Structure formats: C-alpha cells, structure tokens
Amino acid sequence: MNDYKRIRLANAGYRKLRSADTAKFHSQHKSWLKQKLAEPFAGKTVVVTHMAPSMKSVSEGYASDMVSAAYASNLDEIASQADVWIHGHESFDYEIGERRVVYNPCGYKW
C-alpha cells in the first residue's frame, strides 16, 4: 500500500502512517458512525464514504487478496442502518437486507 509510504501524520512528528494508525482510526470512526446512526432522524439516512462498508463490494477476482481489506470493511450490520450507503472504488449496486449500497467513483473518468 502506497499509503504507508507516502502519508505522514502531522500530530505524530510527521512520521509515516502505520497499520496500527489506520486500525485506530477505523475503530474511532466506526464508533462515531454507530453513535450518529443511533440518533433519531425523521428523514432518509445516507452515508457517503470513500471505502466500501462491505466485502460484497470487492470483485470476485480480489476477494481472496488480503489487500482488499484496505478498500472494504465488514460493516454490514452498520450499513443496514442507513437507507443508502454510497462509496468509492469498485462498481457495485446491491443490497444489505433492505438497504442499498452503491458506488460513486468521483474523480475517475469512465
């Protein structure tokens, strides 16, 4: 992953990003998202993320590739709480329960 070669953390003396950092960020962001999704809301709930919420967003050809975990998570339970979840990267349109997951690869010219 080029991220670990290129990204530096300003609040850590500009050292290179480590896998422990991304695991920590993932845990913090997951907790925040769970909290926000639990708050009462009268309208539709749309979540927009860069990475996919489910391994269902990984092409069959990459399903066994360990690097796929860098692009998609196992957040199916959380994703089922949103009416729609939009993410980048791969081209998918499917449902988790009754909730739709779609992609929007902003920045790419297809």
PDB file of N, CA and C in Angstrom:
ATOM      1  N   MET A   1       0.842  -1.175   0.000  1.00  0.00           N
ATOM      2  CA  MET A   1       0.000   0.000   0.000  1.00  0.00           C
ATOM      3  C   MET A   1       0.889   1.241   0.000  1.00  0.00           C
ATOM      4  N   ASN A   2       0.704   2.053  -1.002  1.00  0.00           N
ATOM      5  CA  ASN A   2       1.464   3.295  -1.080  1.00  0.00           C
ATOM      6  C   ASN A   2       1.144   4.246   0.065  1.00  0.00           C
ATOM      7  N   ASP A   3      -0.044   4.112   0.650  1.00  0.00           N
ATOM      8  CA  ASP A   3      -0.422   4.996   1.759  1.00  0.00           C
ATOM      9  C   ASP A   3       0.632   4.966   2.862  1.00  0.00           C
ATOM     10  N   TYR A   4       1.154   3.801   3.150  1.00  0.00           N
ATOM     11  CA  TYR A   4       2.105   3.664   4.248  1.00  0.00           C
ATOM     12  C   TYR A   4       3.493   4.182   3.871  1.00  0.00           C
ATOM     13  N   LYS A   5       3.719   4.429   2.614  1.00  0.00           N
ATOM     14  CA  LYS A   5       4.984   5.015   2.167  1.00  0.00           C
ATOM     15  C   LYS A   5       4.879   6.532   2.040  1.00  0.00           C
ATOM     16  N   ARG A   6       3.682   7.018   1.712  1.00  0.00           N
ATOM     17  CA  ARG A   6       3.526   8.431   1.383  1.00  0.00           C
ATOM     18  C   ARG A   6       2.885   9.294   2.465  1.00  0.00           C
ATOM     19  N   ILE A   7       1.953   8.751   3.220  1.00  0.00           N
ATOM     20  CA  ILE A   7       1.220   9.559   4.198  1.00  0.00           C
ATOM     21  C   ILE A   7       2.026   9.696   5.486  1.00  0.00           C
ATOM     22  N   ARG A   8       2.093  10.940   5.956  1.00  0.00           N
ATOM     23  CA  ARG A   8       2.767  11.225   7.223  1.00  0.00           C
ATOM     24  C   ARG A   8       1.767  11.868   8.167  1.00  0.00           C
ATOM     25  N   LEU A   9       1.906  11.596   9.442  1.00  0.00           N
ATOM     26  CA  LEU A   9       0.993  12.115  10.451  1.00  0.00           C
ATOM     27  C   LEU A   9       1.583  13.358  11.112  1.00  0.00           C
ATOM     28  N   ALA A  10       0.919  14.492  10.898  1.00  0.00           N
ATOM     29  CA  ALA A  10       1.396  15.763  11.440  1.00  0.00           C
ATOM     30  C   ALA A  10       1.406  15.762  12.961  1.00  0.00           C
ATOM     31  N   ASN A  11       0.398  15.134  13.570  1.00  0.00           N
ATOM     32  CA  ASN A  11       0.307  15.147  15.037  1.00  0.00           C
ATOM     33  C   ASN A  11       1.203  14.097  15.692  1.00  0.00           C
ATOM     34  N   ALA A  12       2.034  13.445  14.901  1.00  0.00           N
ATOM     35  CA  ALA A  12       2.952  12.430  15.444  1.00  0.00           C
ATOM     36  C   ALA A  12       4.375  12.693  14.948  1.00  0.00           C
ATOM     37  N   GLY A  13       4.724  13.983  14.834  1.00  0.00           N
ATOM     38  CA  GLY A  13       6.080  14.324  14.406  1.00  0.00           C
ATOM     39  C   GLY A  13       6.359  14.034  12.943  1.00  0.00           C
ATOM     40  N   TYR A  14       5.329  13.994  12.130  1.00  0.00           N
ATOM     41  CA  TYR A  14       5.432  13.728  10.687  1.00  0.00           C
ATOM     42  C   TYR A  14       6.038  12.358  10.375  1.00  0.00           C
ATOM     43  N   ARG A  15       5.777  11.405  11.257  1.00  0.00           N
ATOM     44  CA  ARG A  15       6.243  10.047  10.964  1.00  0.00           C
ATOM     45  C   ARG A  15       5.291   9.414   9.954  1.00  0.00           C
ATOM     46  N   LYS A  16       5.760   8.352   9.326  1.00  0.00           N
ATOM     47  CA  LYS A  16       4.942   7.660   8.334  1.00  0.00           C
ATOM     48  C   LYS A  16       3.754   6.970   8.993  1.00  0.00           C
ATOM     49  N   LEU A  17       2.662   6.912   8.249  1.00  0.00           N
ATOM     50  CA  LEU A  17       1.461   6.207   8.671  1.00  0.00           C
ATOM     51  C   LEU A  17       1.788   4.728   8.869  1.00  0.00           C
ATOM     52  N   ARG A  18       1.205   4.119   9.903  1.00  0.00           N
ATOM     53  CA  ARG A  18       1.402   2.701  10.187  1.00  0.00           C
ATOM     54  C   ARG A  18       0.048   1.992  10.182  1.00  0.00           C
ATOM     55  N   SER A  19       0.077   0.697  10.039  1.00  0.00           N
ATOM     56  CA  SER A  19      -1.179  -0.063  10.045  1.00  0.00           C
ATOM     57  C   SER A  19      -1.904   0.082  11.376  1.00  0.00           C
ATOM     58  N   ALA A  20      -1.167   0.226  12.467  1.00  0.00           N
ATOM     59  CA  ALA A  20      -1.799   0.432  13.775  1.00  0.00           C
ATOM     60  C   ALA A  20      -2.578   1.750  13.797  1.00  0.00           C
ATOM     61  N   ASP A  21      -2.075   2.749  13.067  1.00  0.00           N
ATOM     62  CA  ASP A  21      -2.776   4.035  12.987  1.00  0.00           C
ATOM     63  C   ASP A  21      -4.106   3.876  12.269  1.00  0.00           C
ATOM     64  N   THR A  22      -4.092   3.191  11.137  1.00  0.00           N
ATOM     65  CA  THR A  22      -5.331   3.044  10.378  1.00  0.00           C
ATOM     66  C   THR A  22      -6.332   2.170  11.138  1.00  0.00           C
ATOM     67  N   ALA A  23      -5.841   1.186  11.876  1.00  0.00           N
ATOM     68  CA  ALA A  23      -6.744   0.370  12.701  1.00  0.00           C
ATOM     69  C   ALA A  23      -7.392   1.229  13.785  1.00  0.00           C
ATOM     70  N   LYS A  24      -6.611   2.106  14.382  1.00  0.00           N
ATOM     71  CA  LYS A  24      -7.127   3.004  15.419  1.00  0.00           C
ATOM     72  C   LYS A  24      -8.155   3.963  14.818  1.00  0.00           C
ATOM     73  N   PHE A  25      -7.838   4.565  13.667  1.00  0.00           N
ATOM     74  CA  PHE A  25      -8.765   5.489  13.016  1.00  0.00           C
ATOM     75  C   PHE A  25     -10.071   4.776  12.656  1.00  0.00           C
ATOM     76  N   HIS A  26      -9.941   3.560  12.142  1.00  0.00           N
ATOM     77  CA  HIS A  26     -11.125   2.784  11.763  1.00  0.00           C
ATOM     78  C   HIS A  26     -12.023   2.556  12.981  1.00  0.00           C
ATOM     79  N   SER A  27     -11.433   2.181  14.083  1.00  0.00           N
ATOM     80  CA  SER A  27     -12.195   1.931  15.306  1.00  0.00           C
ATOM     81  C   SER A  27     -12.886   3.210  15.798  1.00  0.00           C
ATOM     82  N   GLN A  28     -12.161   4.303  15.793  1.00  0.00           N
ATOM     83  CA  GLN A  28     -12.738   5.586  16.223  1.00  0.00           C
ATOM     84  C   GLN A  28     -13.882   6.013  15.303  1.00  0.00           C
ATOM     85  N   HIS A  29     -13.672   5.921  14.014  1.00  0.00           N
ATOM     86  CA  HIS A  29     -14.685   6.354  13.052  1.00  0.00           C
ATOM     87  C   HIS A  29     -15.906   5.437  13.071  1.00  0.00           C
ATOM     88  N   LYS A  30     -15.671   4.168  13.272  1.00  0.00           N
ATOM     89  CA  LYS A  30     -16.772   3.204  13.372  1.00  0.00           C
ATOM     90  C   LYS A  30     -17.640   3.527  14.591  1.00  0.00           C
ATOM     91  N   SER A  31     -17.008   3.824  15.714  1.00  0.00           N
ATOM     92  CA  SER A  31     -17.759   4.189  16.925  1.00  0.00           C
ATOM     93  C   SER A  31     -18.563   5.457  16.698  1.00  0.00           C
ATOM     94  N   TRP A  32     -17.955   6.448  16.067  1.00  0.00           N
ATOM     95  CA  TRP A  32     -18.640   7.709  15.778  1.00  0.00           C
ATOM     96  C   TRP A  32     -19.851   7.465  14.880  1.00  0.00           C
ATOM     97  N   LEU A  33     -19.655   6.675  13.833  1.00  0.00           N
ATOM     98  CA  LEU A  33     -20.738   6.402  12.893  1.00  0.00           C
ATOM     99  C   LEU A  33     -21.885   5.652  13.561  1.00  0.00           C
ATOM    100  N   LYS A  34     -21.571   4.657  14.390  1.00  0.00           N
ATOM    101  CA  LYS A  34     -22.613   3.930  15.127  1.00  0.00           C
ATOM    102  C   LYS A  34     -23.430   4.889  15.985  1.00  0.00           C
ATOM    103  N   GLN A  35     -22.742   5.798  16.656  1.00  0.00           N
ATOM    104  CA  GLN A  35     -23.405   6.783  17.514  1.00  0.00           C
ATOM    105  C   GLN A  35     -24.326   7.673  16.686  1.00  0.00           C
ATOM    106  N   LYS A  36     -23.851   8.158  15.559  1.00  0.00           N
ATOM    107  CA  LYS A  36     -24.658   9.042  14.714  1.00  0.00           C
ATOM    108  C   LYS A  36     -25.860   8.309  14.133  1.00  0.00           C
ATOM    109  N   LEU A  37     -25.681   7.078  13.712  1.00  0.00           N
ATOM    110  CA  LEU A  37     -26.790   6.314  13.141  1.00  0.00           C
ATOM    111  C   LEU A  37     -27.843   5.968  14.197  1.00  0.00           C
ATOM    112  N   ALA A  38     -27.460   5.961  15.461  1.00  0.00           N
ATOM    113  CA  ALA A  38     -28.398   5.662  16.543  1.00  0.00           C
ATOM    114  C   ALA A  38     -29.255   6.875  16.924  1.00  0.00           C
ATOM    115  N   GLU A  39     -28.849   8.057  16.493  1.00  0.00           N
ATOM    116  CA  GLU A  39     -29.613   9.264  16.812  1.00  0.00           C
ATOM    117  C   GLU A  39     -30.898   9.294  15.989  1.00  0.00           C
ATOM    118  N   PRO A  40     -32.020   9.661  16.614  1.00  0.00           N
ATOM    119  CA  PRO A  40     -33.289   9.751  15.885  1.00  0.00           C
ATOM    120  C   PRO A  40     -33.198  10.785  14.753  1.00  0.00           C
ATOM    121  N   PHE A  41     -33.809  10.431  13.638  1.00  0.00           N
ATOM    122  CA  PHE A  41     -33.783  11.312  12.475  1.00  0.00           C
ATOM    123  C   PHE A  41     -35.045  11.068  11.670  1.00  0.00           C
ATOM    124  N   ALA A  42     -35.732  12.126  11.283  1.00  0.00           N
ATOM    125  CA  ALA A  42     -37.026  11.995  10.605  1.00  0.00           C
ATOM    126  C   ALA A  42     -36.910  11.651   9.121  1.00  0.00           C
ATOM    127  N   GLY A  43     -35.782  11.953   8.506  1.00  0.00           N
ATOM    128  CA  GLY A  43     -35.649  11.732   7.067  1.00  0.00           C
ATOM    129  C   GLY A  43     -34.899  10.461   6.731  1.00  0.00           C
ATOM    130  N   LYS A  44     -34.520  10.358   5.467  1.00  0.00           N
ATOM    131  CA  LYS A  44     -33.723   9.226   4.990  1.00  0.00           C
ATOM    132  C   LYS A  44     -32.283   9.396   5.469  1.00  0.00           C
ATOM    133  N   THR A  45     -31.620   8.293   5.708  1.00  0.00           N
ATOM    134  CA  THR A  45     -30.233   8.324   6.156  1.00  0.00           C
ATOM    135  C   THR A  45     -29.333   7.865   5.018  1.00  0.00           C
ATOM    136  N   VAL A  46     -28.442   8.752   4.603  1.00  0.00           N
ATOM    137  CA  VAL A  46     -27.488   8.464   3.536  1.00  0.00           C
ATOM    138  C   VAL A  46     -26.085   8.591   4.114  1.00  0.00           C
ATOM    139  N   VAL A  47     -25.286   7.556   3.943  1.00  0.00           N
ATOM    140  CA  VAL A  47     -23.898   7.576   4.393  1.00  0.00           C
ATOM    141  C   VAL A  47     -23.026   7.599   3.144  1.00  0.00           C
ATOM    142  N   VAL A  48     -22.047   8.493   3.126  1.00  0.00           N
ATOM    143  CA  VAL A  48     -21.111   8.597   1.998  1.00  0.00           C
ATOM    144  C   VAL A  48     -19.702   8.424   2.552  1.00  0.00           C
ATOM    145  N   THR A  49     -19.005   7.414   2.046  1.00  0.00           N
ATOM    146  CA  THR A  49     -17.632   7.150   2.483  1.00  0.00           C
ATOM    147  C   THR A  49     -16.753   6.892   1.275  1.00  0.00           C
ATOM    148  N   HIS A  50     -15.471   6.987   1.502  1.00  0.00           N
ATOM    149  CA  HIS A  50     -14.516   6.670   0.442  1.00  0.00           C
ATOM    150  C   HIS A  50     -14.418   5.151   0.265  1.00  0.00           C
ATOM    151  N   MET A  51     -14.304   4.455   1.385  1.00  0.00           N
ATOM    152  CA  MET A  51     -14.176   2.995   1.361  1.00  0.00           C
ATOM    153  C   MET A  51     -15.545   2.319   1.460  1.00  0.00           C
ATOM    154  N   ALA A  52     -15.612   1.098   0.989  1.00  0.00           N
ATOM    155  CA  ALA A  52     -16.865   0.342   0.987  1.00  0.00           C
ATOM    156  C   ALA A  52     -17.165  -0.235   2.372  1.00  0.00           C
ATOM    157  N   PRO A  53     -18.458  -0.347   2.723  1.00  0.00           N
ATOM    158  CA  PRO A  53     -18.834  -0.861   4.035  1.00  0.00           C
ATOM    159  C   PRO A  53     -18.898  -2.379   4.116  1.00  0.00           C
ATOM    160  N   SER A  54     -18.753  -3.040   2.988  1.00  0.00           N
ATOM    161  CA  SER A  54     -18.944  -4.490   2.973  1.00  0.00           C
ATOM    162  C   SER A  54     -17.975  -5.155   2.000  1.00  0.00           C
ATOM    163  N   MET A  55     -17.582  -6.350   2.326  1.00  0.00           N
ATOM    164  CA  MET A  55     -16.723  -7.115   1.417  1.00  0.00           C
ATOM    165  C   MET A  55     -17.506  -7.524   0.167  1.00  0.00           C
ATOM    166  N   LYS A  56     -18.821  -7.329   0.169  1.00  0.00           N
ATOM    167  CA  LYS A  56     -19.627  -7.577  -1.023  1.00  0.00           C
ATOM    168  C   LYS A  56     -19.270  -6.588  -2.130  1.00  0.00           C
ATOM    169  N   SER A  57     -18.544  -5.524  -1.769  1.00  0.00           N
ATOM    170  CA  SER A  57     -18.115  -4.530  -2.736  1.00  0.00           C
ATOM    171  C   SER A  57     -16.750  -4.851  -3.334  1.00  0.00           C
ATOM    172  N   VAL A  58     -16.274  -6.040  -3.120  1.00  0.00           N
ATOM    173  CA  VAL A  58     -14.986  -6.467  -3.671  1.00  0.00           C
ATOM    174  C   VAL A  58     -15.245  -7.466  -4.792  1.00  0.00           C
ATOM    175  N   SER A  59     -14.655  -7.235  -5.937  1.00  0.00           N
ATOM    176  CA  SER A  59     -14.809  -8.136  -7.076  1.00  0.00           C
ATOM    177  C   SER A  59     -14.325  -9.542  -6.727  1.00  0.00           C
ATOM    178  N   GLU A  60     -14.953 -10.537  -7.335  1.00  0.00           N
ATOM    179  CA  GLU A  60     -14.574 -11.936  -7.071  1.00  0.00           C
ATOM    180  C   GLU A  60     -13.082 -12.165  -7.262  1.00  0.00           C
ATOM    181  N   GLY A  61     -12.508 -11.535  -8.263  1.00  0.00           N
ATOM    182  CA  GLY A  61     -11.089 -11.721  -8.551  1.00  0.00           C
ATOM    183  C   GLY A  61     -10.168 -11.229  -7.446  1.00  0.00           C
ATOM    184  N   TYR A  62     -10.670 -10.355  -6.596  1.00  0.00           N
ATOM    185  CA  TYR A  62      -9.869  -9.802  -5.498  1.00  0.00           C
ATOM    186  C   TYR A  62     -10.347 -10.258  -4.122  1.00  0.00           C
ATOM    187  N   ALA A  63     -11.368 -11.075  -4.069  1.00  0.00           N
ATOM    188  CA  ALA A  63     -11.967 -11.487  -2.796  1.00  0.00           C
ATOM    189  C   ALA A  63     -10.968 -12.152  -1.856  1.00  0.00           C
ATOM    190  N   SER A  64     -10.032 -12.902  -2.372  1.00  0.00           N
ATOM    191  CA  SER A  64      -9.067 -13.588  -1.509  1.00  0.00           C
ATOM    192  C   SER A  64      -7.772 -12.791  -1.324  1.00  0.00           C
ATOM    193  N   ASP A  65      -7.683 -11.637  -1.956  1.00  0.00           N
ATOM    194  CA  ASP A  65      -6.493 -10.792  -1.837  1.00  0.00           C
ATOM    195  C   ASP A  65      -6.547 -10.046  -0.507  1.00  0.00           C
ATOM    196  N   MET A  66      -5.531 -10.188   0.313  1.00  0.00           N
ATOM    197  CA  MET A  66      -5.514  -9.551   1.630  1.00  0.00           C
ATOM    198  C   MET A  66      -5.586  -8.026   1.547  1.00  0.00           C
ATOM    199  N   VAL A  67      -5.142  -7.455   0.454  1.00  0.00           N
ATOM    200  CA  VAL A  67      -5.160  -6.001   0.296  1.00  0.00           C
ATOM    201  C   VAL A  67      -6.588  -5.476   0.159  1.00  0.00           C
ATOM    202  N   SER A  68      -7.529  -6.332  -0.196  1.00  0.00           N
ATOM    203  CA  SER A  68      -8.925  -5.908  -0.337  1.00  0.00           C
ATOM    204  C   SER A  68      -9.473  -5.314   0.954  1.00  0.00           C
ATOM    205  N   ALA A  69      -8.944  -5.731   2.076  1.00  0.00           N
ATOM    206  CA  ALA A  69      -9.397  -5.186   3.361  1.00  0.00           C
ATOM    207  C   ALA A  69      -9.065  -3.702   3.489  1.00  0.00           C
ATOM    208  N   ALA A  70      -8.180  -3.202   2.646  1.00  0.00           N
ATOM    209  CA  ALA A  70      -7.850  -1.777   2.658  1.00  0.00           C
ATOM    210  C   ALA A  70      -8.907  -0.956   1.923  1.00  0.00           C
ATOM    211  N   TYR A  71      -9.778  -1.607   1.180  1.00  0.00           N
ATOM    212  CA  TYR A  71     -10.784  -0.899   0.383  1.00  0.00           C
ATOM    213  C   TYR A  71     -12.214  -1.156   0.836  1.00  0.00           C
ATOM    214  N   ALA A  72     -12.420  -2.187   1.619  1.00  0.00           N
ATOM    215  CA  ALA A  72     -13.762  -2.547   2.077  1.00  0.00           C
ATOM    216  C   ALA A  72     -13.671  -3.142   3.478  1.00  0.00           C
ATOM    217  N   SER A  73     -14.718  -2.924   4.257  1.00  0.00           N
ATOM    218  CA  SER A  73     -14.752  -3.419   5.635  1.00  0.00           C
ATOM    219  C   SER A  73     -15.906  -4.393   5.821  1.00  0.00           C
ATOM    220  N   ASN A  74     -15.972  -4.979   6.985  1.00  0.00           N
ATOM    221  CA  ASN A  74     -17.090  -5.858   7.348  1.00  0.00           C
ATOM    222  C   ASN A  74     -18.070  -5.081   8.216  1.00  0.00           C
ATOM    223  N   LEU A  75     -18.704  -4.083   7.631  1.00  0.00           N
ATOM    224  CA  LEU A  75     -19.629  -3.226   8.362  1.00  0.00           C
ATOM    225  C   LEU A  75     -21.075  -3.458   7.929  1.00  0.00           C
ATOM    226  N   ASP A  76     -21.392  -4.660   7.499  1.00  0.00           N
ATOM    227  CA  ASP A  76     -22.740  -4.962   7.012  1.00  0.00           C
ATOM    228  C   ASP A  76     -23.812  -4.596   8.038  1.00  0.00           C
ATOM    229  N   GLU A  77     -23.558  -4.886   9.312  1.00  0.00           N
ATOM    230  CA  GLU A  77     -24.539  -4.589  10.356  1.00  0.00           C
ATOM    231  C   GLU A  77     -24.778  -3.079  10.460  1.00  0.00           C
ATOM    232  N   ILE A  78     -23.726  -2.308  10.388  1.00  0.00           N
ATOM    233  CA  ILE A  78     -23.861  -0.852  10.441  1.00  0.00           C
ATOM    234  C   ILE A  78     -24.499  -0.332   9.163  1.00  0.00           C
ATOM    235  N   ALA A  79     -24.084  -0.869   8.019  1.00  0.00           N
ATOM    236  CA  ALA A  79     -24.625  -0.418   6.729  1.00  0.00           C
ATOM    237  C   ALA A  79     -26.122  -0.651   6.642  1.00  0.00           C
ATOM    238  N   SER A  80     -26.610  -1.669   7.321  1.00  0.00           N
ATOM    239  CA  SER A  80     -28.044  -1.969   7.274  1.00  0.00           C
ATOM    240  C   SER A  80     -28.882  -0.914   8.003  1.00  0.00           C
ATOM    241  N   GLN A  81     -28.235  -0.019   8.734  1.00  0.00           N
ATOM    242  CA  GLN A  81     -28.943   1.041   9.445  1.00  0.00           C
ATOM    243  C   GLN A  81     -29.147   2.294   8.588  1.00  0.00           C
ATOM    244  N   ALA A  82     -28.452   2.385   7.468  1.00  0.00           N
ATOM    245  CA  ALA A  82     -28.597   3.531   6.565  1.00  0.00           C
ATOM    246  C   ALA A  82     -29.560   3.144   5.448  1.00  0.00           C
ATOM    247  N   ASP A  83     -30.281   4.118   4.914  1.00  0.00           N
ATOM    248  CA  ASP A  83     -31.163   3.831   3.783  1.00  0.00           C
ATOM    249  C   ASP A  83     -30.345   3.592   2.522  1.00  0.00           C
ATOM    250  N   VAL A  84     -29.294   4.370   2.375  1.00  0.00           N
ATOM    251  CA  VAL A  84     -28.382   4.220   1.233  1.00  0.00           C
ATOM    252  C   VAL A  84     -26.969   4.477   1.726  1.00  0.00           C
ATOM    253  N   TRP A  85     -26.036   3.669   1.257  1.00  0.00           N
ATOM    254  CA  TRP A  85     -24.614   3.879   1.561  1.00  0.00           C
ATOM    255  C   TRP A  85     -23.911   4.017   0.225  1.00  0.00           C
ATOM    256  N   ILE A  86     -23.242   5.130   0.029  1.00  0.00           N
ATOM    257  CA  ILE A  86     -22.530   5.401  -1.225  1.00  0.00           C
ATOM    258  C   ILE A  86     -21.032   5.375  -0.927  1.00  0.00           C
ATOM    259  N   HIS A  87     -20.280   4.676  -1.745  1.00  0.00           N
ATOM    260  CA  HIS A  87     -18.832   4.599  -1.536  1.00  0.00           C
ATOM    261  C   HIS A  87     -18.086   4.695  -2.858  1.00  0.00           C
ATOM    262  N   GLY A  88     -16.796   4.888  -2.774  1.00  0.00           N
ATOM    263  CA  GLY A  88     -15.940   4.973  -3.950  1.00  0.00           C
ATOM    264  C   GLY A  88     -15.371   3.615  -4.328  1.00  0.00           C
ATOM    265  N   HIS A  89     -14.369   3.631  -5.181  1.00  0.00           N
ATOM    266  CA  HIS A  89     -13.634   2.462  -5.662  1.00  0.00           C
ATOM    267  C   HIS A  89     -14.440   1.609  -6.637  1.00  0.00           C
ATOM    268  N   GLU A  90     -14.779   0.399  -6.258  1.00  0.00           N
ATOM    269  CA  GLU A  90     -15.373  -0.583  -7.179  1.00  0.00           C
ATOM    270  C   GLU A  90     -16.798  -0.231  -7.609  1.00  0.00           C
ATOM    271  N   SER A  91     -17.206  -0.778  -8.739  1.00  0.00           N
ATOM    272  CA  SER A  91     -18.525  -0.530  -9.319  1.00  0.00           C
ATOM    273  C   SER A  91     -19.525  -1.581  -8.847  1.00  0.00           C
ATOM    274  N   PHE A  92     -20.348  -1.210  -7.869  1.00  0.00           N
ATOM    275  CA  PHE A  92     -21.333  -2.137  -7.333  1.00  0.00           C
ATOM    276  C   PHE A  92     -22.646  -1.441  -7.038  1.00  0.00           C
ATOM    277  N   ASP A  93     -23.712  -2.216  -7.050  1.00  0.00           N
ATOM    278  CA  ASP A  93     -25.042  -1.757  -6.666  1.00  0.00           C
ATOM    279  C   ASP A  93     -25.752  -2.999  -6.139  1.00  0.00           C
ATOM    280  N   TYR A  94     -25.914  -3.099  -4.830  1.00  0.00           N
ATOM    281  CA  TYR A  94     -26.513  -4.280  -4.215  1.00  0.00           C
ATOM    282  C   TYR A  94     -27.223  -3.865  -2.934  1.00  0.00           C
ATOM    283  N   GLU A  95     -27.795  -4.823  -2.252  1.00  0.00           N
ATOM    284  CA  GLU A  95     -28.500  -4.544  -1.004  1.00  0.00           C
ATOM    285  C   GLU A  95     -27.938  -5.370   0.144  1.00  0.00           C
ATOM    286  N   ILE A  96     -27.954  -4.763   1.317  1.00  0.00           N
ATOM    287  CA  ILE A  96     -27.678  -5.467   2.568  1.00  0.00           C
ATOM    288  C   ILE A  96     -29.001  -5.400   3.310  1.00  0.00           C
ATOM    289  N   GLY A  97     -29.685  -6.525   3.390  1.00  0.00           N
ATOM    290  CA  GLY A  97     -31.058  -6.511   3.907  1.00  0.00           C
ATOM    291  C   GLY A  97     -31.911  -5.717   2.935  1.00  0.00           C
ATOM    292  N   GLU A  98     -32.560  -4.683   3.421  1.00  0.00           N
ATOM    293  CA  GLU A  98     -33.371  -3.819   2.562  1.00  0.00           C
ATOM    294  C   GLU A  98     -32.660  -2.516   2.241  1.00  0.00           C
ATOM    295  N   ARG A  99     -31.383  -2.418   2.571  1.00  0.00           N
ATOM    296  CA  ARG A  99     -30.623  -1.181   2.395  1.00  0.00           C
ATOM    297  C   ARG A  99     -29.729  -1.270   1.180  1.00  0.00           C
ATOM    298  N   ARG A 100     -29.718  -0.202   0.410  1.00  0.00           N
ATOM    299  CA  ARG A 100     -28.974  -0.191  -0.835  1.00  0.00           C
ATOM    300  C   ARG A 100     -27.547   0.315  -0.626  1.00  0.00           C
ATOM    301  N   VAL A 101     -26.609  -0.330  -1.292  1.00  0.00           N
ATOM    302  CA  VAL A 101     -25.207   0.085  -1.303  1.00  0.00           C
ATOM    303  C   VAL A 101     -24.834   0.317  -2.764  1.00  0.00           C
ATOM    304  N   VAL A 102     -24.366   1.522  -3.067  1.00  0.00           N
ATOM    305  CA  VAL A 102     -23.964   1.867  -4.436  1.00  0.00           C
ATOM    306  C   VAL A 102     -22.601   2.539  -4.392  1.00  0.00           C
ATOM    307  N   TYR A 103     -21.992   2.670  -5.546  1.00  0.00           N
ATOM    308  CA  TYR A 103     -20.690   3.320  -5.587  1.00  0.00           C
ATOM    309  C   TYR A 103     -20.766   4.588  -6.420  1.00  0.00           C
ATOM    310  N   ASN A 104     -19.863   5.495  -6.141  1.00  0.00           N
ATOM    311  CA  ASN A 104     -19.738   6.726  -6.895  1.00  0.00           C
ATOM    312  C   ASN A 104     -18.247   7.055  -6.965  1.00  0.00           C
ATOM    313  N   PRO A 105     -17.574   6.605  -8.014  1.00  0.00           N
ATOM    314  CA  PRO A 105     -16.129   6.800  -8.094  1.00  0.00           C
ATOM    315  C   PRO A 105     -15.771   8.211  -8.569  1.00  0.00           C
ATOM    316  N   CYS A 106     -16.019   9.187  -7.732  1.00  0.00           N
ATOM    317  CA  CYS A 106     -15.702  10.576  -8.088  1.00  0.00           C
ATOM    318  C   CYS A 106     -14.236  10.707  -8.463  1.00  0.00           C
ATOM    319  N   GLY A 107     -13.980  11.456  -9.476  1.00  0.00           N
ATOM    320  CA  GLY A 107     -12.613  11.709  -9.884  1.00  0.00           C
ATOM    321  C   GLY A 107     -12.140  10.821 -11.013  1.00  0.00           C
ATOM    322  N   TYR A 108     -12.807   9.715 -11.253  1.00  0.00           N
ATOM    323  CA  TYR A 108     -12.421   8.837 -12.339  1.00  0.00           C
ATOM    324  C   TYR A 108     -13.250   9.125 -13.571  1.00  0.00           C
ATOM    325  N   LYS A 109     -12.622   9.081 -14.713  1.00  0.00           N
ATOM    326  CA  LYS A 109     -13.343   9.254 -15.977  1.00  0.00           C
ATOM    327  C   LYS A 109     -13.575   7.879 -16.561  1.00  0.00           C
ATOM    328  N   TRP A 110     -14.827   7.437 -16.549  1.00  0.00           N
ATOM    329  CA  TRP A 110     -15.151   6.102 -17.049  1.00  0.00           C
ATOM    330  C   TRP A 110     -15.649   6.187 -18.443  1.00  0.00           C
TER     331      TRP A 110
END
